[in-house]
Amino acid sequence: MSMKNTSYSVLELATVGQGFEHKTVFENSVKLAQNAEKLGYNRFWLAEHHNMVSIASSATTVLMGHIAGNTNTIKIGSGGIMLPNHSALLIAEQFGTLAHLYPGRIDMGLGRAPGTDQATAYAIRPDRVQAVYKFPEEIENIQRYFSKDNQNAKVRATVAEGVEVPIYILGSSTDSAHLAAKKGLPYVFASHFAPTQLFEALAIYRNEFQPSAFLDEPYVVAGINVIAADTHEEAETLSTSSIRMMIGVMTGQIDYLQKPIPMNQELRAISQNPAFERMHKYAFVGDKESIKKRTEDFIEQTGADELMVASHIYDPQDRIKSYQLFAEVMQEINAVLA
């Protein structure tokens, strides 16, 4: 067991359930953030995805501001901003503004994936392919815009200058590990949906890490999916919504998050398919005790400093309950080390 406390945070996609209006989805995101704050979650991050009926967090910084304004202490961030979709200058201005409004509470998670299909990526930014290769350079541009030393530059993000907004590098491969290590920045690995290179990437990050003005030693955040309920059977039923959503993602037939149904033979067979299991290796479904065991094992294996938890559950109250049970799990795990 790791001999340090492990922080725990929320990854929110503003998932749209069948029959839910977008306004209600955003209200439910706020309620989740408010509950997460009470339950001791460290951060509440929002993901950037586009052209998906099941995800409403596409205007990520707008939603960040709304949720920050309806909470008090929890850190609000992007998990992440897909930087090749954007101008580094505009991102610096947006996050600088948020940091002035909510001092000490804004995080900037940056990734290079499109967050959508290729046609939509082209609609967002026709030169996106070239922008992907400039990802390291664009991170440096953002850091420069936040620096006080940029005050005499021809191009400035004046609202960002001298403001502290921590940057996190997001990734699902070893490429991002090399980059995060070289720049001395915290590293967030997307093991909740792309676990294949998790351990190789973490080893690279830790071995190659170069201390920086931002971070003295490696800091790892690892993603997991959690669906927790009072009984294993209830959690398994709740998971049928997520399973069907993931089938849609894998087959290119993305739909709204559906109401849960009793687990049946067909869904169980799909969830046990090797390809599905590989993608969802770190999807923890069950009662509190089974979730605790898998979480302890995951922390032991990865040495993660922080867990980023996604939970695709149809009913908002069931989702809050799942996050409540996971918070209890983490408090029990950390209490052993107190």
C-alpha atoms as a PDB file:
ATOM      1  CA  MET A   1       0.000   0.000   0.000  1.00  0.00           C
ATOM      2  CA  SER A   2       1.195   3.486  -0.831  1.00  0.00           C
ATOM      3  CA  MET A   3       2.286   5.301   2.336  1.00  0.00           C
ATOM      4  CA  LYS A   4       0.640   8.586   1.436  1.00  0.00           C
ATOM      5  CA  ASN A   5      -2.897   9.871   1.246  1.00  0.00           C
ATOM      6  CA  THR A   6      -4.446   9.630  -2.189  1.00  0.00           C
ATOM      7  CA  SER A   7      -6.614  12.518  -3.340  1.00  0.00           C
ATOM      8  CA  TYR A   8      -9.806  11.804  -5.267  1.00  0.00           C
ATOM      9  CA  SER A   9     -11.555  13.929  -7.868  1.00  0.00           C
ATOM     10  CA  VAL A  10     -14.496  13.959 -10.291  1.00  0.00           C
ATOM     11  CA  LEU A  11     -14.339  13.800 -14.081  1.00  0.00           C
ATOM     12  CA  GLU A  12     -17.624  15.163 -15.443  1.00  0.00           C
ATOM     13  CA  LEU A  13     -18.839  14.894 -19.039  1.00  0.00           C
ATOM     14  CA  ALA A  14     -22.294  16.385 -18.420  1.00  0.00           C
ATOM     15  CA  THR A  15     -23.705  13.123 -19.756  1.00  0.00           C
ATOM     16  CA  VAL A  16     -27.117  13.510 -21.387  1.00  0.00           C
ATOM     17  CA  GLY A  17     -29.608  10.828 -20.389  1.00  0.00           C
ATOM     18  CA  GLN A  18     -32.521   9.865 -22.622  1.00  0.00           C
ATOM     19  CA  GLY A  19     -35.347  12.346 -21.963  1.00  0.00           C
ATOM     20  CA  PHE A  20     -33.197  14.954 -20.172  1.00  0.00           C
ATOM     21  CA  GLU A  21     -33.135  18.584 -21.320  1.00  0.00           C
ATOM     22  CA  HIS A  22     -29.700  20.203 -21.513  1.00  0.00           C
ATOM     23  CA  LYS A  23     -30.662  22.754 -18.855  1.00  0.00           C
ATOM     24  CA  THR A  24     -31.433  19.894 -16.474  1.00  0.00           C
ATOM     25  CA  VAL A  25     -28.148  18.189 -17.336  1.00  0.00           C
ATOM     26  CA  PHE A  26     -26.232  21.335 -16.378  1.00  0.00           C
ATOM     27  CA  GLU A  27     -28.256  21.695 -13.164  1.00  0.00           C
ATOM     28  CA  ASN A  28     -27.363  18.100 -12.296  1.00  0.00           C
ATOM     29  CA  SER A  29     -23.673  18.825 -12.934  1.00  0.00           C
ATOM     30  CA  VAL A  30     -23.881  21.694 -10.447  1.00  0.00           C
ATOM     31  CA  LYS A  31     -25.581  19.469  -7.858  1.00  0.00           C
ATOM     32  CA  LEU A  32     -22.921  16.816  -8.337  1.00  0.00           C
ATOM     33  CA  ALA A  33     -20.151  19.391  -7.868  1.00  0.00           C
ATOM     34  CA  GLN A  34     -21.807  20.730  -4.717  1.00  0.00           C
ATOM     35  CA  ASN A  35     -22.061  17.215  -3.293  1.00  0.00           C
ATOM     36  CA  ALA A  36     -18.497  16.391  -4.340  1.00  0.00           C
ATOM     37  CA  GLU A  37     -17.309  19.475  -2.463  1.00  0.00           C
ATOM     38  CA  LYS A  38     -19.051  18.271   0.719  1.00  0.00           C
ATOM     39  CA  LEU A  39     -17.674  14.750   0.260  1.00  0.00           C
ATOM     40  CA  GLY A  40     -14.033  15.833   0.157  1.00  0.00           C
ATOM     41  CA  TYR A  41     -13.332  15.547  -3.555  1.00  0.00           C
ATOM     42  CA  ASN A  42     -10.294  17.599  -4.524  1.00  0.00           C
ATOM     43  CA  ARG A  43     -11.230  18.649  -8.058  1.00  0.00           C
ATOM     44  CA  PHE A  44     -14.176  18.731 -10.423  1.00  0.00           C
ATOM     45  CA  TRP A  45     -12.956  18.555 -13.990  1.00  0.00           C
ATOM     46  CA  LEU A  46     -14.953  18.843 -17.204  1.00  0.00           C
ATOM     47  CA  ALA A  47     -14.047  17.081 -20.443  1.00  0.00           C
ATOM     48  CA  GLU A  48     -14.128  18.578 -23.924  1.00  0.00           C
ATOM     49  CA  HIS A  49     -16.091  16.540 -26.474  1.00  0.00           C
ATOM     50  CA  HIS A  50     -17.920  17.703 -29.586  1.00  0.00           C
ATOM     51  CA  ASN A  51     -20.806  16.523 -31.775  1.00  0.00           C
ATOM     52  CA  MET A  52     -21.960  13.828 -29.341  1.00  0.00           C
ATOM     53  CA  VAL A  53     -25.603  13.727 -28.278  1.00  0.00           C
ATOM     54  CA  SER A  54     -24.658  12.003 -25.020  1.00  0.00           C
ATOM     55  CA  ILE A  55     -22.156  14.643 -23.830  1.00  0.00           C
ATOM     56  CA  ALA A  56     -22.938  18.307 -23.105  1.00  0.00           C
ATOM     57  CA  SER A  57     -19.572  19.593 -21.843  1.00  0.00           C
ATOM     58  CA  SER A  58     -18.442  20.903 -25.240  1.00  0.00           C
ATOM     59  CA  ALA A  59     -18.246  24.557 -24.112  1.00  0.00           C
ATOM     60  CA  THR A  60     -15.881  23.502 -21.348  1.00  0.00           C
ATOM     61  CA  THR A  61     -14.724  26.850 -19.962  1.00  0.00           C
ATOM     62  CA  VAL A  62     -18.274  28.242 -19.959  1.00  0.00           C
ATOM     63  CA  LEU A  63     -19.453  25.308 -17.875  1.00  0.00           C
ATOM     64  CA  MET A  64     -16.391  25.590 -15.630  1.00  0.00           C
ATOM     65  CA  GLY A  65     -17.332  29.161 -14.774  1.00  0.00           C
ATOM     66  CA  HIS A  66     -20.935  28.233 -14.074  1.00  0.00           C
ATOM     67  CA  ILE A  67     -19.970  25.416 -11.724  1.00  0.00           C
ATOM     68  CA  ALA A  68     -17.243  27.439 -10.006  1.00  0.00           C
ATOM     69  CA  GLY A  69     -19.828  30.143  -9.342  1.00  0.00           C
ATOM     70  CA  ASN A  70     -22.120  27.632  -7.669  1.00  0.00           C
ATOM     71  CA  THR A  71     -19.477  26.048  -5.420  1.00  0.00           C
ATOM     72  CA  ASN A  72     -17.082  27.458  -2.842  1.00  0.00           C
ATOM     73  CA  THR A  73     -13.849  25.528  -2.381  1.00  0.00           C
ATOM     74  CA  ILE A  74     -13.520  22.593  -4.775  1.00  0.00           C
ATOM     75  CA  LYS A  75     -11.039  23.128  -7.611  1.00  0.00           C
ATOM     76  CA  ILE A  76     -12.640  23.407 -11.041  1.00  0.00           C
ATOM     77  CA  GLY A  77     -10.729  22.422 -14.141  1.00  0.00           C
ATOM     78  CA  SER A  78     -10.630  21.077 -17.655  1.00  0.00           C
ATOM     79  CA  GLY A  79     -10.088  17.387 -18.144  1.00  0.00           C
ATOM     80  CA  GLY A  80      -9.212  18.525 -20.576  1.00  0.00           C
ATOM     81  CA  ILE A  81      -9.043  21.288 -23.079  1.00  0.00           C
ATOM     82  CA  MET A  82      -8.006  19.720 -26.397  1.00  0.00           C
ATOM     83  CA  LEU A  83      -5.473  22.400 -27.220  1.00  0.00           C
ATOM     84  CA  PRO A  84      -5.156  21.778 -30.990  1.00  0.00           C
ATOM     85  CA  ASN A  85      -8.837  22.783 -31.239  1.00  0.00           C
ATOM     86  CA  HIS A  86      -8.029  26.225 -29.846  1.00  0.00           C
ATOM     87  CA  SER A  87      -5.828  29.282 -29.929  1.00  0.00           C
ATOM     88  CA  ALA A  88      -3.312  29.352 -27.071  1.00  0.00           C
ATOM     89  CA  LEU A  89      -3.998  33.070 -26.663  1.00  0.00           C
ATOM     90  CA  LEU A  90      -7.750  32.587 -26.247  1.00  0.00           C
ATOM     91  CA  ILE A  91      -7.267  29.725 -23.782  1.00  0.00           C
ATOM     92  CA  ALA A  92      -4.899  31.882 -21.710  1.00  0.00           C
ATOM     93  CA  GLU A  93      -7.453  34.704 -21.701  1.00  0.00           C
ATOM     94  CA  GLN A  94     -10.315  32.395 -20.725  1.00  0.00           C
ATOM     95  CA  PHE A  95      -8.437  30.688 -17.900  1.00  0.00           C
ATOM     96  CA  GLY A  96      -6.891  33.946 -16.732  1.00  0.00           C
ATOM     97  CA  THR A  97     -10.382  35.407 -16.455  1.00  0.00           C
ATOM     98  CA  LEU A  98     -11.657  32.374 -14.547  1.00  0.00           C
ATOM     99  CA  ALA A  99      -8.671  32.544 -12.185  1.00  0.00           C
ATOM    100  CA  HIS A 100      -9.428  36.178 -11.335  1.00  0.00           C
ATOM    101  CA  LEU A 101     -13.064  35.317 -10.648  1.00  0.00           C
ATOM    102  CA  TYR A 102     -12.231  32.186  -8.607  1.00  0.00           C
ATOM    103  CA  PRO A 103      -8.693  32.645  -7.203  1.00  0.00           C
ATOM    104  CA  GLY A 104      -6.762  29.477  -6.414  1.00  0.00           C
ATOM    105  CA  ARG A 105      -9.509  27.216  -7.725  1.00  0.00           C
ATOM    106  CA  ILE A 106      -8.901  26.885 -11.467  1.00  0.00           C
ATOM    107  CA  ASP A 107      -6.923  24.027 -13.086  1.00  0.00           C
ATOM    108  CA  MET A 108      -5.943  23.716 -16.740  1.00  0.00           C
ATOM    109  CA  GLY A 109      -5.748  20.153 -18.035  1.00  0.00           C
ATOM    110  CA  LEU A 110      -4.474  20.044 -21.629  1.00  0.00           C
ATOM    111  CA  GLY A 111      -4.636  17.243 -24.190  1.00  0.00           C
ATOM    112  CA  ARG A 112      -3.960  16.872 -27.890  1.00  0.00           C
ATOM    113  CA  ALA A 113      -6.743  14.465 -28.962  1.00  0.00           C
ATOM    114  CA  PRO A 114      -9.640  15.838 -31.043  1.00  0.00           C
ATOM    115  CA  GLY A 115     -12.400  14.937 -28.586  1.00  0.00           C
ATOM    116  CA  THR A 116     -14.573  14.069 -31.582  1.00  0.00           C
ATOM    117  CA  ASP A 117     -14.579  12.495 -35.055  1.00  0.00           C
ATOM    118  CA  GLN A 118     -12.353  13.745 -37.868  1.00  0.00           C
ATOM    119  CA  ALA A 119     -15.106  15.563 -39.780  1.00  0.00           C
ATOM    120  CA  THR A 120     -16.086  17.525 -36.674  1.00  0.00           C
ATOM    121  CA  ALA A 121     -12.441  18.196 -35.832  1.00  0.00           C
ATOM    122  CA  TYR A 122     -12.028  19.706 -39.291  1.00  0.00           C
ATOM    123  CA  ALA A 123     -15.129  21.845 -38.765  1.00  0.00           C
ATOM    124  CA  ILE A 124     -13.666  23.136 -35.496  1.00  0.00           C
ATOM    125  CA  ARG A 125     -10.261  23.904 -36.985  1.00  0.00           C
ATOM    126  CA  PRO A 126      -9.263  23.003 -40.570  1.00  0.00           C
ATOM    127  CA  ASP A 127      -5.534  23.169 -39.759  1.00  0.00           C
ATOM    128  CA  ARG A 128      -5.919  20.931 -36.718  1.00  0.00           C
ATOM    129  CA  VAL A 129      -3.527  18.223 -37.978  1.00  0.00           C
ATOM    130  CA  GLN A 130      -0.693  20.745 -38.066  1.00  0.00           C
ATOM    131  CA  ALA A 131      -1.794  22.086 -34.680  1.00  0.00           C
ATOM    132  CA  VAL A 132      -1.361  18.632 -33.101  1.00  0.00           C
ATOM    133  CA  TYR A 133       2.354  18.697 -33.918  1.00  0.00           C
ATOM    134  CA  LYS A 134       2.616  22.122 -32.308  1.00  0.00           C
ATOM    135  CA  PHE A 135       1.138  20.892 -28.996  1.00  0.00           C
ATOM    136  CA  PRO A 136       4.417  21.205 -27.005  1.00  0.00           C
ATOM    137  CA  GLU A 137       5.035  24.632 -28.516  1.00  0.00           C
ATOM    138  CA  GLU A 138       1.503  25.782 -27.726  1.00  0.00           C
ATOM    139  CA  ILE A 139       1.910  24.744 -24.083  1.00  0.00           C
ATOM    140  CA  GLU A 140       4.976  26.980 -23.948  1.00  0.00           C
ATOM    141  CA  ASN A 141       2.956  29.786 -25.521  1.00  0.00           C
ATOM    142  CA  ILE A 142       0.304  29.460 -22.814  1.00  0.00           C
ATOM    143  CA  GLN A 143       2.969  29.498 -20.111  1.00  0.00           C
ATOM    144  CA  ARG A 144       4.445  32.619 -21.678  1.00  0.00           C
ATOM    145  CA  TYR A 145       1.056  34.362 -21.759  1.00  0.00           C
ATOM    146  CA  PHE A 146       0.699  33.690 -18.020  1.00  0.00           C
ATOM    147  CA  SER A 147       4.181  35.017 -17.261  1.00  0.00           C
ATOM    148  CA  LYS A 148       4.776  38.521 -15.927  1.00  0.00           C
ATOM    149  CA  ASP A 149       7.743  38.630 -18.299  1.00  0.00           C
ATOM    150  CA  ASN A 150       5.365  38.830 -21.263  1.00  0.00           C
ATOM    151  CA  GLN A 151       4.322  42.396 -20.437  1.00  0.00           C
ATOM    152  CA  ASN A 152       6.519  43.907 -23.145  1.00  0.00           C
ATOM    153  CA  ALA A 153       5.567  41.412 -25.848  1.00  0.00           C
ATOM    154  CA  LYS A 154       3.688  42.434 -28.964  1.00  0.00           C
ATOM    155  CA  VAL A 155       0.998  39.786 -28.305  1.00  0.00           C
ATOM    156  CA  ARG A 156      -0.272  39.587 -24.724  1.00  0.00           C
ATOM    157  CA  ALA A 157      -3.007  37.905 -22.719  1.00  0.00           C
ATOM    158  CA  THR A 158      -3.132  40.763 -20.245  1.00  0.00           C
ATOM    159  CA  VAL A 159      -5.809  39.179 -18.063  1.00  0.00           C
ATOM    160  CA  ALA A 160      -3.554  36.137 -17.556  1.00  0.00           C
ATOM    161  CA  GLU A 161      -0.230  37.816 -16.802  1.00  0.00           C
ATOM    162  CA  GLY A 162       1.065  36.959 -13.345  1.00  0.00           C
ATOM    163  CA  VAL A 163      -1.899  34.691 -12.627  1.00  0.00           C
ATOM    164  CA  GLU A 164      -1.227  31.180 -11.318  1.00  0.00           C
ATOM    165  CA  VAL A 165      -3.208  28.461 -13.083  1.00  0.00           C
ATOM    166  CA  PRO A 166      -1.600  25.017 -12.735  1.00  0.00           C
ATOM    167  CA  ILE A 167      -1.222  23.104 -16.008  1.00  0.00           C
ATOM    168  CA  TYR A 168      -1.708  19.331 -16.199  1.00  0.00           C
ATOM    169  CA  ILE A 169      -0.718  17.221 -19.216  1.00  0.00           C
ATOM    170  CA  LEU A 170      -3.379  14.684 -20.193  1.00  0.00           C
ATOM    171  CA  GLY A 171      -2.656  11.588 -22.218  1.00  0.00           C
ATOM    172  CA  SER A 172      -3.368   7.975 -23.047  1.00  0.00           C
ATOM    173  CA  SER A 173       0.003   6.983 -24.516  1.00  0.00           C
ATOM    174  CA  THR A 174       3.721   7.188 -23.841  1.00  0.00           C
ATOM    175  CA  ASP A 175       4.066  10.339 -25.987  1.00  0.00           C
ATOM    176  CA  SER A 176       2.308  12.423 -23.353  1.00  0.00           C
ATOM    177  CA  ALA A 177       4.446  10.862 -20.609  1.00  0.00           C
ATOM    178  CA  HIS A 178       7.674  12.044 -22.262  1.00  0.00           C
ATOM    179  CA  LEU A 179       6.213  15.527 -22.687  1.00  0.00           C
ATOM    180  CA  ALA A 180       4.910  15.882 -19.116  1.00  0.00           C
ATOM    181  CA  ALA A 181       8.244  14.661 -17.724  1.00  0.00           C
ATOM    182  CA  LYS A 182      10.292  17.005 -19.900  1.00  0.00           C
ATOM    183  CA  LYS A 183       8.199  20.015 -18.915  1.00  0.00           C
ATOM    184  CA  GLY A 184       8.065  19.080 -15.221  1.00  0.00           C
ATOM    185  CA  LEU A 185       4.271  19.141 -15.112  1.00  0.00           C
ATOM    186  CA  PRO A 186       1.682  16.892 -13.424  1.00  0.00           C
ATOM    187  CA  TYR A 187       0.576  13.947 -15.570  1.00  0.00           C
ATOM    188  CA  VAL A 188      -2.998  12.704 -15.950  1.00  0.00           C
ATOM    189  CA  PHE A 189      -3.394   9.305 -17.607  1.00  0.00           C
ATOM    190  CA  ALA A 190      -6.699   8.295 -19.205  1.00  0.00           C
ATOM    191  CA  SER A 191      -6.729   4.774 -17.794  1.00  0.00           C
ATOM    192  CA  HIS A 192     -10.513   4.999 -17.434  1.00  0.00           C
ATOM    193  CA  PHE A 193     -10.879   4.353 -21.179  1.00  0.00           C
ATOM    194  CA  ALA A 194      -7.388   3.644 -22.590  1.00  0.00           C
ATOM    195  CA  PRO A 195      -5.464   1.589 -20.013  1.00  0.00           C
ATOM    196  CA  THR A 196      -3.119  -0.317 -22.352  1.00  0.00           C
ATOM    197  CA  GLN A 197      -0.011   1.836 -21.893  1.00  0.00           C
ATOM    198  CA  LEU A 198      -0.710   2.926 -18.313  1.00  0.00           C
ATOM    199  CA  PHE A 199       2.256   1.335 -16.559  1.00  0.00           C
ATOM    200  CA  GLU A 200       4.737   2.002 -19.358  1.00  0.00           C
ATOM    201  CA  ALA A 201       3.671   5.658 -19.466  1.00  0.00           C
ATOM    202  CA  LEU A 202       3.918   6.102 -15.693  1.00  0.00           C
ATOM    203  CA  ALA A 203       7.391   4.546 -15.642  1.00  0.00           C
ATOM    204  CA  ILE A 204       8.568   6.882 -18.412  1.00  0.00           C
ATOM    205  CA  TYR A 205       7.092   9.906 -16.669  1.00  0.00           C
ATOM    206  CA  ARG A 206       8.692   9.113 -13.327  1.00  0.00           C
ATOM    207  CA  ASN A 207      12.079   8.105 -14.774  1.00  0.00           C
ATOM    208  CA  GLU A 208      12.388  11.101 -17.086  1.00  0.00           C
ATOM    209  CA  PHE A 209      10.814  13.732 -14.832  1.00  0.00           C
ATOM    210  CA  GLN A 210      12.711  17.015 -14.683  1.00  0.00           C
ATOM    211  CA  PRO A 211      11.899  19.272 -11.707  1.00  0.00           C
ATOM    212  CA  SER A 212      10.560  22.635 -12.782  1.00  0.00           C
ATOM    213  CA  ALA A 213       9.362  25.930 -11.379  1.00  0.00           C
ATOM    214  CA  PHE A 214       5.915  24.319 -11.261  1.00  0.00           C
ATOM    215  CA  LEU A 215       6.646  20.936  -9.679  1.00  0.00           C
ATOM    216  CA  ASP A 216       9.507  19.440  -7.637  1.00  0.00           C
ATOM    217  CA  GLU A 217       8.672  15.771  -8.130  1.00  0.00           C
ATOM    218  CA  PRO A 218       6.352  13.655 -10.319  1.00  0.00           C
ATOM    219  CA  TYR A 219       2.627  13.915  -9.673  1.00  0.00           C
ATOM    220  CA  VAL A 220       0.359  11.269 -11.197  1.00  0.00           C
ATOM    221  CA  VAL A 221      -3.404  11.422 -11.609  1.00  0.00           C
ATOM    222  CA  ALA A 222      -4.997   8.222 -12.950  1.00  0.00           C
ATOM    223  CA  GLY A 223      -8.519   7.823 -14.281  1.00  0.00           C
ATOM    224  CA  ILE A 224     -10.990   5.124 -13.264  1.00  0.00           C
ATOM    225  CA  ASN A 225     -14.682   4.458 -13.810  1.00  0.00           C
ATOM    226  CA  VAL A 226     -16.759   3.736 -10.729  1.00  0.00           C
ATOM    227  CA  ILE A 227     -20.353   2.591 -10.380  1.00  0.00           C
ATOM    228  CA  ALA A 228     -21.036   1.932  -6.709  1.00  0.00           C
ATOM    229  CA  ALA A 229     -24.303   0.999  -5.014  1.00  0.00           C
ATOM    230  CA  ASP A 230     -25.505  -0.640  -1.806  1.00  0.00           C
ATOM    231  CA  THR A 231     -25.466  -4.089  -3.433  1.00  0.00           C
ATOM    232  CA  HIS A 232     -23.490  -5.639  -6.258  1.00  0.00           C
ATOM    233  CA  GLU A 233     -26.717  -6.480  -8.076  1.00  0.00           C
ATOM    234  CA  GLU A 234     -27.890  -2.868  -7.967  1.00  0.00           C
ATOM    235  CA  ALA A 235     -24.524  -1.605  -9.217  1.00  0.00           C
ATOM    236  CA  GLU A 236     -24.569  -4.153 -12.024  1.00  0.00           C
ATOM    237  CA  THR A 237     -28.012  -2.958 -13.091  1.00  0.00           C
ATOM    238  CA  LEU A 238     -26.855   0.678 -13.043  1.00  0.00           C
ATOM    239  CA  SER A 239     -23.851  -0.295 -15.175  1.00  0.00           C
ATOM    240  CA  THR A 240     -26.064  -1.421 -18.070  1.00  0.00           C
ATOM    241  CA  SER A 241     -26.500   2.239 -19.051  1.00  0.00           C
ATOM    242  CA  SER A 242     -22.740   2.678 -19.290  1.00  0.00           C
ATOM    243  CA  ILE A 243     -22.226  -0.603 -21.140  1.00  0.00           C
ATOM    244  CA  ARG A 244     -24.763   0.363 -23.806  1.00  0.00           C
ATOM    245  CA  MET A 245     -23.231   3.823 -24.127  1.00  0.00           C
ATOM    246  CA  MET A 246     -19.767   2.331 -24.610  1.00  0.00           C
ATOM    247  CA  ILE A 247     -21.091  -0.095 -27.218  1.00  0.00           C
ATOM    248  CA  GLY A 248     -22.339   2.965 -29.101  1.00  0.00           C
ATOM    249  CA  VAL A 249     -18.941   4.642 -28.832  1.00  0.00           C
ATOM    250  CA  MET A 250     -17.123   1.529 -30.051  1.00  0.00           C
ATOM    251  CA  THR A 251     -19.507   0.997 -32.991  1.00  0.00           C
ATOM    252  CA  GLY A 252     -19.843   4.650 -33.962  1.00  0.00           C
ATOM    253  CA  GLN A 253     -23.547   4.694 -33.060  1.00  0.00           C
ATOM    254  CA  ILE A 254     -23.465   7.120 -30.156  1.00  0.00           C
ATOM    255  CA  ASP A 255     -26.800   7.680 -28.447  1.00  0.00           C
ATOM    256  CA  TYR A 256     -28.150   9.247 -25.264  1.00  0.00           C
ATOM    257  CA  LEU A 257     -27.366   7.495 -21.984  1.00  0.00           C
ATOM    258  CA  GLN A 258     -30.209   5.003 -21.599  1.00  0.00           C
ATOM    259  CA  LYS A 259     -32.185   4.014 -18.519  1.00  0.00           C
ATOM    260  CA  PRO A 260     -30.694   0.992 -16.760  1.00  0.00           C
ATOM    261  CA  ILE A 261     -32.185  -2.446 -17.292  1.00  0.00           C
ATOM    262  CA  PRO A 262     -31.601  -5.721 -15.437  1.00  0.00           C
ATOM    263  CA  MET A 263     -28.314  -7.266 -16.537  1.00  0.00           C
ATOM    264  CA  ASN A 264     -29.021  -9.834 -19.238  1.00  0.00           C
ATOM    265  CA  GLN A 265     -27.021 -12.540 -20.972  1.00  0.00           C
ATOM    266  CA  GLU A 266     -26.313 -10.433 -24.062  1.00  0.00           C
ATOM    267  CA  LEU A 267     -24.938  -7.441 -22.144  1.00  0.00           C
ATOM    268  CA  ARG A 268     -22.913  -9.682 -19.847  1.00  0.00           C
ATOM    269  CA  ALA A 269     -21.366 -11.415 -22.852  1.00  0.00           C
ATOM    270  CA  ILE A 270     -20.470  -8.051 -24.399  1.00  0.00           C
ATOM    271  CA  SER A 271     -18.973  -6.780 -21.145  1.00  0.00           C
ATOM    272  CA  GLN A 272     -16.850  -9.943 -20.949  1.00  0.00           C
ATOM    273  CA  ASN A 273     -15.622  -9.647 -24.539  1.00  0.00           C
ATOM    274  CA  PRO A 274     -11.803  -9.327 -24.508  1.00  0.00           C
ATOM    275  CA  ALA A 275     -11.816  -6.053 -26.482  1.00  0.00           C
ATOM    276  CA  PHE A 276     -14.419  -4.528 -24.163  1.00  0.00           C
ATOM    277  CA  GLU A 277     -12.613  -5.788 -21.064  1.00  0.00           C
ATOM    278  CA  ARG A 278      -9.299  -4.319 -22.228  1.00  0.00           C
ATOM    279  CA  MET A 279     -10.869  -0.898 -22.704  1.00  0.00           C
ATOM    280  CA  HIS A 280     -12.696  -1.084 -19.355  1.00  0.00           C
ATOM    281  CA  LYS A 281     -10.024  -2.763 -17.263  1.00  0.00           C
ATOM    282  CA  TYR A 282     -10.395  -0.063 -14.625  1.00  0.00           C
ATOM    283  CA  ALA A 283     -14.177   0.109 -14.475  1.00  0.00           C
ATOM    284  CA  PHE A 284     -15.073  -0.737 -10.882  1.00  0.00           C
ATOM    285  CA  VAL A 285     -18.677  -1.898 -10.475  1.00  0.00           C
ATOM    286  CA  GLY A 286     -20.072  -3.219  -7.215  1.00  0.00           C
ATOM    287  CA  ASP A 287     -20.857  -2.593  -3.589  1.00  0.00           C
ATOM    288  CA  LYS A 288     -18.623  -0.552  -1.323  1.00  0.00           C
ATOM    289  CA  GLU A 289     -16.403  -3.424  -0.192  1.00  0.00           C
ATOM    290  CA  SER A 290     -15.663  -4.693  -3.688  1.00  0.00           C
ATOM    291  CA  ILE A 291     -14.972  -1.155  -4.897  1.00  0.00           C
ATOM    292  CA  LYS A 292     -12.615  -0.638  -1.959  1.00  0.00           C
ATOM    293  CA  LYS A 293     -10.615  -3.777  -2.759  1.00  0.00           C
ATOM    294  CA  ARG A 294     -10.191  -2.865  -6.427  1.00  0.00           C
ATOM    295  CA  THR A 295      -9.300   0.727  -5.548  1.00  0.00           C
ATOM    296  CA  GLU A 296      -6.678  -0.380  -3.019  1.00  0.00           C
ATOM    297  CA  ASP A 297      -5.164  -2.692  -5.627  1.00  0.00           C
ATOM    298  CA  PHE A 298      -5.137   0.087  -8.237  1.00  0.00           C
ATOM    299  CA  ILE A 299      -3.412   2.547  -5.901  1.00  0.00           C
ATOM    300  CA  GLU A 300      -0.902  -0.131  -4.912  1.00  0.00           C
ATOM    301  CA  GLN A 301      -0.126  -0.987  -8.538  1.00  0.00           C
ATOM    302  CA  THR A 302       0.093   2.567  -9.898  1.00  0.00           C
ATOM    303  CA  GLY A 303       1.283   4.610  -6.925  1.00  0.00           C
ATOM    304  CA  ALA A 304      -1.105   7.305  -8.154  1.00  0.00           C
ATOM    305  CA  ASP A 305      -1.134  10.516  -6.146  1.00  0.00           C
ATOM    306  CA  GLU A 306      -4.730  11.183  -7.152  1.00  0.00           C
ATOM    307  CA  LEU A 307      -7.652   9.315  -8.715  1.00  0.00           C
ATOM    308  CA  MET A 308      -9.916  10.973 -11.286  1.00  0.00           C
ATOM    309  CA  VAL A 309     -13.305   9.265 -11.177  1.00  0.00           C
ATOM    310  CA  ALA A 310     -15.863   9.104 -13.977  1.00  0.00           C
ATOM    311  CA  SER A 311     -19.308   7.636 -13.356  1.00  0.00           C
ATOM    312  CA  HIS A 312     -21.847   7.201 -16.160  1.00  0.00           C
ATOM    313  CA  ILE A 313     -25.113   6.597 -14.311  1.00  0.00           C
ATOM    314  CA  TYR A 314     -28.541   7.514 -15.677  1.00  0.00           C
ATOM    315  CA  ASP A 315     -30.296   8.752 -12.541  1.00  0.00           C
ATOM    316  CA  PRO A 316     -28.678  11.846 -10.937  1.00  0.00           C
ATOM    317  CA  GLN A 317     -29.389  10.641  -7.398  1.00  0.00           C
ATOM    318  CA  ASP A 318     -27.908   7.218  -8.090  1.00  0.00           C
ATOM    319  CA  ARG A 319     -24.826   8.958  -9.450  1.00  0.00           C
ATOM    320  CA  ILE A 320     -24.463  11.143  -6.351  1.00  0.00           C
ATOM    321  CA  LYS A 321     -24.864   8.014  -4.207  1.00  0.00           C
ATOM    322  CA  SER A 322     -22.089   6.298  -6.175  1.00  0.00           C
ATOM    323  CA  TYR A 323     -19.735   9.219  -5.603  1.00  0.00           C
ATOM    324  CA  GLN A 324     -20.724   9.260  -1.924  1.00  0.00           C
ATOM    325  CA  LEU A 325     -19.839   5.585  -1.519  1.00  0.00           C
ATOM    326  CA  PHE A 326     -16.532   6.103  -3.317  1.00  0.00           C
ATOM    327  CA  ALA A 327     -15.699   9.049  -1.057  1.00  0.00           C
ATOM    328  CA  GLU A 328     -16.299   6.762   1.933  1.00  0.00           C
ATOM    329  CA  VAL A 329     -13.986   4.192   0.345  1.00  0.00           C
ATOM    330  CA  MET A 330     -11.218   6.759  -0.085  1.00  0.00           C
ATOM    331  CA  GLN A 331     -11.661   8.127   3.424  1.00  0.00           C
ATOM    332  CA  GLU A 332     -11.326   4.595   4.814  1.00  0.00           C
ATOM    333  CA  ILE A 333      -8.237   3.896   2.693  1.00  0.00           C
ATOM    334  CA  ASN A 334      -6.593   7.163   3.721  1.00  0.00           C
ATOM    335  CA  ALA A 335      -7.557   6.716   7.390  1.00  0.00           C
ATOM    336  CA  VAL A 336      -5.290   3.668   7.584  1.00  0.00           C
ATOM    337  CA  LEU A 337      -2.342   5.952   6.812  1.00  0.00           C
ATOM    338  CA  ALA A 338      -3.346   8.746   9.201  1.00  0.00           C
END
